[in-house]
Amino acid sequence: MKKRQYKKLDNSISSFQWIKKKSEKYWQKVDLMECWGFQIQEGSKWKKGLSESELEDFQNQLNITFPESLKNYYRTMNGLDKPGIDNNGGEGEFDFGPIFYSYPDDIPVMKARIEWIMEANRVTEDVIKNQNVPPIIPYLGHRFLILDHEETVLSMYGNDIIFWGGNLSKGIVSDIFSIYHSEKKKIDTSSFWNKKIG
């Protein structure tokens, strides 16, 4: 993907439709690497987007109010029609599992991911309520959309946290395509997590 295409991405339905079309074309021919972690299978396609009533139920089950960006993403697509493949670095049998989380299948996984990140960073319910820590929601593996006014995407693996994308659509394409540049943005995660300690 070229830098100018990447820079144009916002959280509109048209951006997510563009991602859907380009990614399905990109996945028509996929060479799996010998590595750890789930990879997208050749010929994978996005599942149909969600209805408004499904979105409402999704939010209720997670007890999270989705921002318009996340609603637009799930209105357009809802996970993949094939599971991801993990060939365990060529050292064992293949494992299969979700790549992009979908409703309703992956709600338990999403809840467990949120709980793990909160525990790893010692963020309790009291901290969330009393110190205005924003909710987080995983959409793929350990990629999380931060539900605050900036809505950045962080890669969060326990307490190992790095900036991943300036918005949801940019976070998603960073995991699908080769981006021929590096988006540089300094992010101070202490303002997000250190509230729990103070």
C-alpha atoms as a PDB file:
ATOM      1  CA  MET A   1       0.000   0.000   0.000  1.00  0.00           C
ATOM      2  CA  LYS A   2       1.285   3.433  -0.894  1.00  0.00           C
ATOM      3  CA  LYS A   3       1.720   6.212   1.613  1.00  0.00           C
ATOM      4  CA  ARG A   4      -0.874   8.480  -0.041  1.00  0.00           C
ATOM      5  CA  GLN A   5      -3.522   5.723   0.111  1.00  0.00           C
ATOM      6  CA  TYR A   6      -2.720   5.094   3.749  1.00  0.00           C
ATOM      7  CA  LYS A   7      -2.900   8.780   4.664  1.00  0.00           C
ATOM      8  CA  LYS A   8      -6.409   9.096   3.167  1.00  0.00           C
ATOM      9  CA  LEU A   9      -7.892   6.387   5.395  1.00  0.00           C
ATOM     10  CA  ASP A  10     -10.433   7.579   7.915  1.00  0.00           C
ATOM     11  CA  ASN A  11     -13.178   5.787   9.826  1.00  0.00           C
ATOM     12  CA  SER A  12     -15.918   6.259   7.232  1.00  0.00           C
ATOM     13  CA  ILE A  13     -17.831   3.352   5.770  1.00  0.00           C
ATOM     14  CA  SER A  14     -16.240   4.145   2.396  1.00  0.00           C
ATOM     15  CA  SER A  15     -12.736   3.642   3.876  1.00  0.00           C
ATOM     16  CA  PHE A  16     -13.751   0.291   5.361  1.00  0.00           C
ATOM     17  CA  GLN A  17     -15.379  -0.730   2.060  1.00  0.00           C
ATOM     18  CA  TRP A  18     -12.113   0.128   0.282  1.00  0.00           C
ATOM     19  CA  ILE A  19     -10.141  -1.960   2.806  1.00  0.00           C
ATOM     20  CA  LYS A  20     -12.557  -4.849   2.337  1.00  0.00           C
ATOM     21  CA  LYS A  21     -12.247  -4.816  -1.446  1.00  0.00           C
ATOM     22  CA  LYS A  22      -8.452  -4.406  -1.519  1.00  0.00           C
ATOM     23  CA  SER A  23      -7.781  -7.003   1.180  1.00  0.00           C
ATOM     24  CA  GLU A  24      -9.938  -9.683  -0.438  1.00  0.00           C
ATOM     25  CA  LYS A  25      -8.055  -9.132  -3.696  1.00  0.00           C
ATOM     26  CA  TYR A  26      -4.739  -9.248  -1.797  1.00  0.00           C
ATOM     27  CA  TRP A  27      -5.678 -12.545  -0.112  1.00  0.00           C
ATOM     28  CA  GLN A  28      -6.501 -14.309  -3.398  1.00  0.00           C
ATOM     29  CA  LYS A  29      -2.879 -15.499  -3.402  1.00  0.00           C
ATOM     30  CA  VAL A  30      -1.195 -15.819   0.004  1.00  0.00           C
ATOM     31  CA  ASP A  31       2.097 -17.496   0.817  1.00  0.00           C
ATOM     32  CA  LEU A  32       2.214 -18.619   4.428  1.00  0.00           C
ATOM     33  CA  MET A  33       5.458 -18.003   6.273  1.00  0.00           C
ATOM     34  CA  GLU A  34       7.063 -20.420   8.692  1.00  0.00           C
ATOM     35  CA  CYS A  35       6.575 -18.372  11.831  1.00  0.00           C
ATOM     36  CA  TRP A  36       4.668 -18.077  15.087  1.00  0.00           C
ATOM     37  CA  GLY A  37       1.231 -16.493  15.183  1.00  0.00           C
ATOM     38  CA  PHE A  38      -1.941 -16.664  13.144  1.00  0.00           C
ATOM     39  CA  GLN A  39      -1.766 -15.912   9.433  1.00  0.00           C
ATOM     40  CA  ILE A  40      -4.580 -15.288   6.987  1.00  0.00           C
ATOM     41  CA  GLN A  41      -5.487 -18.184   4.715  1.00  0.00           C
ATOM     42  CA  GLU A  42      -5.461 -17.853   0.957  1.00  0.00           C
ATOM     43  CA  GLY A  43      -8.884 -16.979  -0.443  1.00  0.00           C
ATOM     44  CA  SER A  44     -10.178 -15.548   2.841  1.00  0.00           C
ATOM     45  CA  LYS A  45     -13.067 -13.122   2.598  1.00  0.00           C
ATOM     46  CA  TRP A  46     -14.773 -10.853   5.080  1.00  0.00           C
ATOM     47  CA  LYS A  47     -18.080 -11.947   6.546  1.00  0.00           C
ATOM     48  CA  LYS A  48     -21.098  -9.753   5.955  1.00  0.00           C
ATOM     49  CA  GLY A  49     -21.339  -6.641   8.125  1.00  0.00           C
ATOM     50  CA  LEU A  50     -23.700  -6.404  11.092  1.00  0.00           C
ATOM     51  CA  SER A  51     -27.192  -4.981  11.290  1.00  0.00           C
ATOM     52  CA  GLU A  52     -28.023  -2.234  13.778  1.00  0.00           C
ATOM     53  CA  SER A  53     -29.758  -4.740  16.084  1.00  0.00           C
ATOM     54  CA  GLU A  54     -26.690  -7.021  15.989  1.00  0.00           C
ATOM     55  CA  LEU A  55     -24.463  -4.038  16.796  1.00  0.00           C
ATOM     56  CA  GLU A  56     -26.708  -3.197  19.737  1.00  0.00           C
ATOM     57  CA  ASP A  57     -26.489  -6.756  21.073  1.00  0.00           C
ATOM     58  CA  PHE A  58     -22.709  -6.794  20.532  1.00  0.00           C
ATOM     59  CA  GLN A  59     -22.323  -3.646  22.632  1.00  0.00           C
ATOM     60  CA  ASN A  60     -24.621  -5.011  25.336  1.00  0.00           C
ATOM     61  CA  GLN A  61     -22.706  -8.293  25.590  1.00  0.00           C
ATOM     62  CA  LEU A  62     -19.379  -6.460  25.984  1.00  0.00           C
ATOM     63  CA  ASN A  63     -20.934  -3.708  28.120  1.00  0.00           C
ATOM     64  CA  ILE A  64     -19.145  -1.139  25.938  1.00  0.00           C
ATOM     65  CA  THR A  65     -20.610   1.700  23.891  1.00  0.00           C
ATOM     66  CA  PHE A  66     -18.991   1.578  20.467  1.00  0.00           C
ATOM     67  CA  PRO A  67     -17.792   4.789  18.813  1.00  0.00           C
ATOM     68  CA  GLU A  68     -18.985   5.458  15.270  1.00  0.00           C
ATOM     69  CA  SER A  69     -15.613   4.254  13.913  1.00  0.00           C
ATOM     70  CA  LEU A  70     -16.085   0.770  15.352  1.00  0.00           C
ATOM     71  CA  LYS A  71     -19.726   0.676  14.292  1.00  0.00           C
ATOM     72  CA  ASN A  72     -18.734   1.576  10.721  1.00  0.00           C
ATOM     73  CA  TYR A  73     -16.115  -1.160  10.703  1.00  0.00           C
ATOM     74  CA  TYR A  74     -18.576  -3.796  11.912  1.00  0.00           C
ATOM     75  CA  ARG A  75     -21.326  -2.477   9.624  1.00  0.00           C
ATOM     76  CA  THR A  76     -18.962  -3.219   6.730  1.00  0.00           C
ATOM     77  CA  MET A  77     -17.333  -6.488   7.800  1.00  0.00           C
ATOM     78  CA  ASN A  78     -17.397  -8.910  10.705  1.00  0.00           C
ATOM     79  CA  GLY A  79     -14.340 -11.142  10.846  1.00  0.00           C
ATOM     80  CA  LEU A  80     -13.170 -13.578   8.197  1.00  0.00           C
ATOM     81  CA  ASP A  81     -14.870 -16.605   6.671  1.00  0.00           C
ATOM     82  CA  LYS A  82     -11.794 -18.808   7.282  1.00  0.00           C
ATOM     83  CA  PRO A  83      -9.855 -19.206  10.532  1.00  0.00           C
ATOM     84  CA  GLY A  84      -6.277 -18.078  10.804  1.00  0.00           C
ATOM     85  CA  ILE A  85      -3.470 -20.661  10.679  1.00  0.00           C
ATOM     86  CA  ASP A  86      -0.584 -20.817  13.146  1.00  0.00           C
ATOM     87  CA  ASN A  87       2.115 -23.220  11.951  1.00  0.00           C
ATOM     88  CA  ASN A  88       4.021 -22.790  15.234  1.00  0.00           C
ATOM     89  CA  GLY A  89       7.257 -21.865  13.494  1.00  0.00           C
ATOM     90  CA  GLY A  90       7.269 -25.193  11.686  1.00  0.00           C
ATOM     91  CA  GLU A  91       7.796 -27.003  14.986  1.00  0.00           C
ATOM     92  CA  GLY A  92       4.484 -28.712  15.475  1.00  0.00           C
ATOM     93  CA  GLU A  93       0.954 -29.202  14.299  1.00  0.00           C
ATOM     94  CA  PHE A  94      -1.072 -26.353  12.898  1.00  0.00           C
ATOM     95  CA  ASP A  95      -3.435 -24.420  15.151  1.00  0.00           C
ATOM     96  CA  PHE A  96      -6.504 -22.589  13.900  1.00  0.00           C
ATOM     97  CA  GLY A  97      -8.161 -19.560  15.432  1.00  0.00           C
ATOM     98  CA  PRO A  98      -9.712 -16.167  14.789  1.00  0.00           C
ATOM     99  CA  ILE A  99      -7.772 -13.356  13.171  1.00  0.00           C
ATOM    100  CA  PHE A 100     -10.176 -10.400  13.123  1.00  0.00           C
ATOM    101  CA  TYR A 101     -12.735 -10.870  15.887  1.00  0.00           C
ATOM    102  CA  SER A 102     -16.340 -11.370  14.869  1.00  0.00           C
ATOM    103  CA  TYR A 103     -19.760 -11.213  16.483  1.00  0.00           C
ATOM    104  CA  PRO A 104     -21.057 -13.369  18.096  1.00  0.00           C
ATOM    105  CA  ASP A 105     -18.402 -16.099  17.832  1.00  0.00           C
ATOM    106  CA  ASP A 106     -15.476 -14.286  19.428  1.00  0.00           C
ATOM    107  CA  ILE A 107     -17.158 -12.408  22.283  1.00  0.00           C
ATOM    108  CA  PRO A 108     -15.656 -14.758  24.930  1.00  0.00           C
ATOM    109  CA  VAL A 109     -12.171 -14.282  23.427  1.00  0.00           C
ATOM    110  CA  MET A 110     -12.603 -10.506  23.350  1.00  0.00           C
ATOM    111  CA  LYS A 111     -13.729 -10.423  26.990  1.00  0.00           C
ATOM    112  CA  ALA A 112     -10.765 -12.576  28.023  1.00  0.00           C
ATOM    113  CA  ARG A 113      -8.328 -10.292  26.139  1.00  0.00           C
ATOM    114  CA  ILE A 114      -9.698  -7.183  27.841  1.00  0.00           C
ATOM    115  CA  GLU A 115      -9.523  -8.852  31.255  1.00  0.00           C
ATOM    116  CA  TRP A 116      -5.930 -10.000  30.651  1.00  0.00           C
ATOM    117  CA  ILE A 117      -4.747  -6.513  29.671  1.00  0.00           C
ATOM    118  CA  MET A 118      -6.478  -4.928  32.650  1.00  0.00           C
ATOM    119  CA  GLU A 119      -4.960  -7.476  35.062  1.00  0.00           C
ATOM    120  CA  ALA A 120      -1.481  -7.168  33.522  1.00  0.00           C
ATOM    121  CA  ASN A 121      -1.628  -3.413  34.055  1.00  0.00           C
ATOM    122  CA  ARG A 122      -3.343  -3.613  37.471  1.00  0.00           C
ATOM    123  CA  VAL A 123      -6.357  -1.667  36.257  1.00  0.00           C
ATOM    124  CA  THR A 124      -9.327  -2.491  38.474  1.00  0.00           C
ATOM    125  CA  GLU A 125     -12.990  -1.566  38.141  1.00  0.00           C
ATOM    126  CA  ASP A 126     -12.440   1.121  40.796  1.00  0.00           C
ATOM    127  CA  VAL A 127      -9.557   2.609  38.824  1.00  0.00           C
ATOM    128  CA  ILE A 128     -11.674   2.647  35.659  1.00  0.00           C
ATOM    129  CA  LYS A 129     -14.542   4.425  37.433  1.00  0.00           C
ATOM    130  CA  ASN A 130     -12.580   6.816  39.645  1.00  0.00           C
ATOM    131  CA  GLN A 131      -9.764   7.783  37.305  1.00  0.00           C
ATOM    132  CA  ASN A 132     -11.600   7.876  33.981  1.00  0.00           C
ATOM    133  CA  VAL A 133      -9.523   5.172  32.299  1.00  0.00           C
ATOM    134  CA  PRO A 134     -11.079   4.706  28.848  1.00  0.00           C
ATOM    135  CA  PRO A 135     -12.454   1.336  27.782  1.00  0.00           C
ATOM    136  CA  ILE A 136     -10.456  -0.750  25.320  1.00  0.00           C
ATOM    137  CA  ILE A 137     -11.676  -3.222  22.747  1.00  0.00           C
ATOM    138  CA  PRO A 138      -9.642  -5.765  20.785  1.00  0.00           C
ATOM    139  CA  TYR A 139     -10.455  -6.194  17.119  1.00  0.00           C
ATOM    140  CA  LEU A 140      -7.567  -8.518  16.169  1.00  0.00           C
ATOM    141  CA  GLY A 141      -5.186 -10.525  18.343  1.00  0.00           C
ATOM    142  CA  HIS A 142      -3.574  -7.996  20.661  1.00  0.00           C
ATOM    143  CA  ARG A 143      -4.581  -4.873  18.713  1.00  0.00           C
ATOM    144  CA  PHE A 144      -6.862  -2.639  20.742  1.00  0.00           C
ATOM    145  CA  LEU A 145      -8.898   0.428  19.887  1.00  0.00           C
ATOM    146  CA  ILE A 146      -8.749   2.917  22.757  1.00  0.00           C
ATOM    147  CA  LEU A 147     -12.218   4.351  23.282  1.00  0.00           C
ATOM    148  CA  ASP A 148     -11.269   7.897  24.163  1.00  0.00           C
ATOM    149  CA  HIS A 149     -11.471  11.118  22.140  1.00  0.00           C
ATOM    150  CA  GLU A 150      -8.348  10.236  20.094  1.00  0.00           C
ATOM    151  CA  GLU A 151      -9.345   6.629  19.250  1.00  0.00           C
ATOM    152  CA  THR A 152      -5.810   5.478  18.525  1.00  0.00           C
ATOM    153  CA  VAL A 153      -4.880   1.828  18.119  1.00  0.00           C
ATOM    154  CA  LEU A 154      -2.340   0.266  20.447  1.00  0.00           C
ATOM    155  CA  SER A 155      -0.672  -3.122  20.271  1.00  0.00           C
ATOM    156  CA  MET A 156      -1.095  -4.416  23.817  1.00  0.00           C
ATOM    157  CA  TYR A 157       0.503  -7.668  24.925  1.00  0.00           C
ATOM    158  CA  GLY A 158       0.229  -7.726  28.704  1.00  0.00           C
ATOM    159  CA  ASN A 159       2.005  -4.582  29.829  1.00  0.00           C
ATOM    160  CA  ASP A 160       4.037  -4.347  26.602  1.00  0.00           C
ATOM    161  CA  ILE A 161       2.221  -1.491  24.855  1.00  0.00           C
ATOM    162  CA  ILE A 162       3.155   0.289  21.625  1.00  0.00           C
ATOM    163  CA  PHE A 163       1.452   2.686  19.228  1.00  0.00           C
ATOM    164  CA  TRP A 164       0.013   0.864  16.201  1.00  0.00           C
ATOM    165  CA  GLY A 165      -2.205   3.250  14.244  1.00  0.00           C
ATOM    166  CA  GLY A 166      -3.655   6.737  14.284  1.00  0.00           C
ATOM    167  CA  ASN A 167      -7.174   5.404  13.773  1.00  0.00           C
ATOM    168  CA  LEU A 168      -8.978   2.093  13.399  1.00  0.00           C
ATOM    169  CA  SER A 169      -8.746   1.847   9.603  1.00  0.00           C
ATOM    170  CA  LYS A 170      -4.989   2.560   9.683  1.00  0.00           C
ATOM    171  CA  GLY A 171      -4.512  -0.010  12.432  1.00  0.00           C
ATOM    172  CA  ILE A 172      -6.327  -2.633  10.366  1.00  0.00           C
ATOM    173  CA  VAL A 173      -4.381  -2.020   7.157  1.00  0.00           C
ATOM    174  CA  SER A 174      -1.099  -2.137   9.090  1.00  0.00           C
ATOM    175  CA  ASP A 175      -1.856  -5.798   9.843  1.00  0.00           C
ATOM    176  CA  ILE A 176      -2.920  -6.653   6.295  1.00  0.00           C
ATOM    177  CA  PHE A 177      -0.655  -4.807   3.874  1.00  0.00           C
ATOM    178  CA  SER A 178       2.953  -3.801   3.652  1.00  0.00           C
ATOM    179  CA  ILE A 179       3.025  -0.103   4.384  1.00  0.00           C
ATOM    180  CA  TYR A 180       5.877   1.627   2.601  1.00  0.00           C
ATOM    181  CA  HIS A 181       6.569   4.143   5.323  1.00  0.00           C
ATOM    182  CA  SER A 182       6.467   4.349   9.044  1.00  0.00           C
ATOM    183  CA  GLU A 183       3.844   6.486  10.685  1.00  0.00           C
ATOM    184  CA  LYS A 184       5.666   8.267  13.454  1.00  0.00           C
ATOM    185  CA  LYS A 185       3.780   9.576  16.404  1.00  0.00           C
ATOM    186  CA  LYS A 186       5.046   9.877  19.910  1.00  0.00           C
ATOM    187  CA  ILE A 187       2.524   8.512  22.346  1.00  0.00           C
ATOM    188  CA  ASP A 188       2.777   8.763  26.088  1.00  0.00           C
ATOM    189  CA  THR A 189       1.093   5.650  27.449  1.00  0.00           C
ATOM    190  CA  SER A 190       1.716   6.815  31.019  1.00  0.00           C
ATOM    191  CA  SER A 191      -1.222   9.193  30.687  1.00  0.00           C
ATOM    192  CA  PHE A 192      -3.358   6.166  29.915  1.00  0.00           C
ATOM    193  CA  TRP A 193      -2.048   3.623  32.435  1.00  0.00           C
ATOM    194  CA  ASN A 194      -0.298   5.546  35.211  1.00  0.00           C
ATOM    195  CA  LYS A 195      -3.598   6.906  36.473  1.00  0.00           C
ATOM    196  CA  LYS A 196      -4.121   3.472  38.005  1.00  0.00           C
ATOM    197  CA  ILE A 197      -1.107   3.875  40.270  1.00  0.00           C
ATOM    198  CA  GLY A 198      -1.578   7.525  41.344  1.00  0.00           C
END
